[in-house]
Each structure stands twice: as C-alpha cells, then as structure tokens.
Amino acid sequence: MSSKFKNVNAARNTETRDVSRMVKETGTIYETIAVLAKRSNQISTELKEELSGKLEEFATSQDNLEEIFENREQIEISKYYERLPKPHSIAIQELLEDKIYTRRPDEDLEDAPAEA
C-alpha cells in the first residue's frame, strides 16, 4: 500500500494554527482559504482515484454477501486510507512547507506584453 501521502507530516487531529504564517503567500485569509480549499479538493480527488484503483482489483461480476464480509485485504486497504490525514490537513501542511504554488490569473494578464 504505497501512497504518495503516506509520509506526510500533516496533523491527524484538530490543531490550532497561526494564521499569520498561513497568510504570508496570498496576503489575505480569504485567498488563503480559497487556495487551501482548491488544493484540498485536488488531494481528495487523487486519494479517491488511488483508492478506487486498488479496490477495483477486488470487484467481481457477482456480489456474494459472504465475500463482502470475508475479504480482509480489502478491509485493510480501506482502513489504511481512513487513517491517512484528511485532505485539508495535508493542504495546510503543504502550504506551511511552501509546497503550494499560487498565482492570480488576472495579474498574469496584466503582466503579459500587449500585442500591437
């Protein structure tokens, strides 16, 4: 069970954060929250795709009630993903470690050279 989120130092429980450290990149708490929400959704999607891919191996054409309850390997994979830090915690940790790149598309247009 190798996941790229396996060795993340993100908190697995609730933790008080210093907002001033989180705002340094964007300038405002509102933009920081928007960035974290977007990154959290990206992480959530990646984790879901990864988990779905691993659980696809166990898919059968016919569902037998006994098989569902007896497949220990499938249960262990699910428990592993449940124990991982939540996507928002991973996003916050990435932000604090400067692993998130942010940009404003409207400013990119202003900086672009004007066509004559």
Protein backbone atom coordinates (compact mmCIF):
# COMPACT_ATOMS: atom_id res chain seq x y z
CA MET A 1 0.00 0.00 0.00
CA SER A 2 2.16 2.84 -1.18
CA SER A 3 0.56 6.23 -1.34
CA LYS A 4 2.33 9.49 -2.04
CA PHE A 5 0.53 10.88 1.02
CA LYS A 6 1.90 8.14 3.29
CA ASN A 7 4.84 10.13 4.67
CA VAL A 8 3.09 13.47 5.06
CA ASN A 9 3.60 15.21 8.40
CA ALA A 10 0.06 16.58 8.43
CA ALA A 11 -1.93 16.56 11.65
CA ARG A 12 -4.36 13.70 12.08
CA ASN A 13 -6.47 15.62 14.59
CA THR A 14 -7.60 19.18 15.26
CA GLU A 15 -4.77 21.66 15.72
CA THR A 16 -4.69 25.42 16.37
CA ARG A 17 -2.86 27.29 13.60
CA ASP A 18 -1.03 30.61 13.46
CA VAL A 19 -2.99 32.47 10.80
CA SER A 20 -0.18 34.96 10.13
CA ARG A 21 2.06 32.12 8.90
CA MET A 22 -0.65 30.92 6.54
CA VAL A 23 -1.40 34.34 5.03
CA LYS A 24 2.17 35.18 4.00
CA GLU A 25 1.81 33.79 0.45
CA THR A 26 -1.56 35.25 -0.53
CA GLY A 27 -1.86 38.36 1.63
CA THR A 28 -5.38 37.74 2.94
CA ILE A 29 -7.02 34.96 4.92
CA TYR A 30 -9.82 34.76 2.35
CA GLU A 31 -7.44 33.99 -0.50
CA THR A 32 -5.58 31.53 1.70
CA ILE A 33 -8.82 29.70 2.46
CA ALA A 34 -9.68 29.62 -1.26
CA VAL A 35 -6.24 28.20 -2.10
CA LEU A 36 -6.49 25.60 0.67
CA ALA A 37 -10.00 24.59 -0.43
CA LYS A 38 -8.86 24.11 -4.02
CA ARG A 39 -5.78 22.10 -3.03
CA SER A 40 -7.82 20.05 -0.56
CA ASN A 41 -10.25 19.13 -3.34
CA GLN A 42 -7.33 18.12 -5.58
CA ILE A 43 -5.88 15.90 -2.84
CA SER A 44 -9.28 14.38 -2.12
CA THR A 45 -9.74 13.52 -5.79
CA GLU A 46 -6.25 11.96 -6.00
CA LEU A 47 -6.88 9.85 -2.89
CA LYS A 48 -10.28 8.72 -4.16
CA GLU A 49 -8.84 7.70 -7.54
CA GLU A 50 -5.97 5.86 -5.86
CA LEU A 51 -8.32 4.01 -3.50
CA SER A 52 -10.78 3.18 -6.28
CA GLY A 53 -7.95 1.76 -8.38
CA LYS A 54 -6.84 -0.51 -5.55
CA LEU A 55 -10.35 -1.64 -4.70
CA GLU A 56 -11.12 -2.32 -8.37
CA GLU A 57 -8.92 -5.40 -8.10
CA PHE A 58 -11.49 -6.91 -5.76
CA ALA A 59 -14.51 -6.17 -7.94
CA THR A 60 -16.41 -9.25 -9.06
CA SER A 61 -19.19 -9.65 -11.55
CA GLN A 62 -21.45 -11.12 -8.90
CA ASP A 63 -21.78 -9.84 -5.37
CA ASN A 64 -21.86 -12.53 -2.76
CA LEU A 65 -22.69 -11.32 0.74
CA GLU A 66 -20.17 -13.72 2.28
CA GLU A 67 -17.38 -12.41 0.03
CA ILE A 68 -18.04 -8.84 1.09
CA PHE A 69 -17.57 -9.60 4.77
CA GLU A 70 -14.67 -12.03 4.38
CA ASN A 71 -12.31 -10.04 2.18
CA ARG A 72 -9.76 -8.99 4.82
CA GLU A 73 -7.28 -7.49 2.35
CA GLN A 74 -9.91 -5.10 1.04
CA ILE A 75 -10.82 -4.12 4.59
CA GLU A 76 -7.15 -3.44 5.42
CA ILE A 77 -6.76 -1.20 2.35
CA SER A 78 -9.85 0.77 3.36
CA LYS A 79 -8.63 1.14 6.94
CA TYR A 80 -5.24 2.34 5.69
CA TYR A 81 -6.87 5.17 3.72
CA GLU A 82 -9.12 6.04 6.66
CA ARG A 83 -6.05 6.51 8.87
CA LEU A 84 -4.36 8.93 6.47
CA PRO A 85 -4.57 12.63 7.37
CA LYS A 86 -7.60 14.38 5.94
CA PRO A 87 -7.10 16.31 2.68
CA HIS A 88 -7.48 19.71 4.36
CA SER A 89 -4.74 18.84 6.87
CA ILE A 90 -2.42 17.78 4.05
CA ALA A 91 -3.18 21.04 2.17
CA ILE A 92 -2.41 23.15 5.26
CA GLN A 93 0.87 21.29 5.80
CA GLU A 94 1.84 21.78 2.14
CA LEU A 95 1.09 25.50 2.45
CA LEU A 96 3.21 25.82 5.59
CA GLU A 97 6.08 23.97 3.87
CA ASP A 98 5.81 26.23 0.78
CA LYS A 99 4.87 23.30 -1.45
CA ILE A 100 1.81 25.05 -2.92
CA TYR A 101 2.32 27.38 -5.84
CA THR A 102 -0.28 30.13 -6.11
CA ARG A 103 -0.92 32.61 -8.88
CA ARG A 104 -3.62 35.05 -9.84
CA PRO A 105 -4.74 34.68 -13.48
CA ASP A 106 -5.94 38.30 -13.62
CA GLU A 107 -2.45 39.55 -12.67
CA ASP A 108 -0.86 37.26 -15.25
CA LEU A 109 -2.90 39.03 -17.94
CA GLU A 110 -1.75 42.48 -16.73
CA ASP A 111 1.92 41.41 -16.80
CA ALA A 112 1.71 39.99 -20.32
CA PRO A 113 3.11 42.18 -23.10
CA ALA A 114 0.42 43.98 -25.11
CA GLU A 115 0.06 42.93 -28.72
CA ALA A 116 0.33 45.72 -31.25
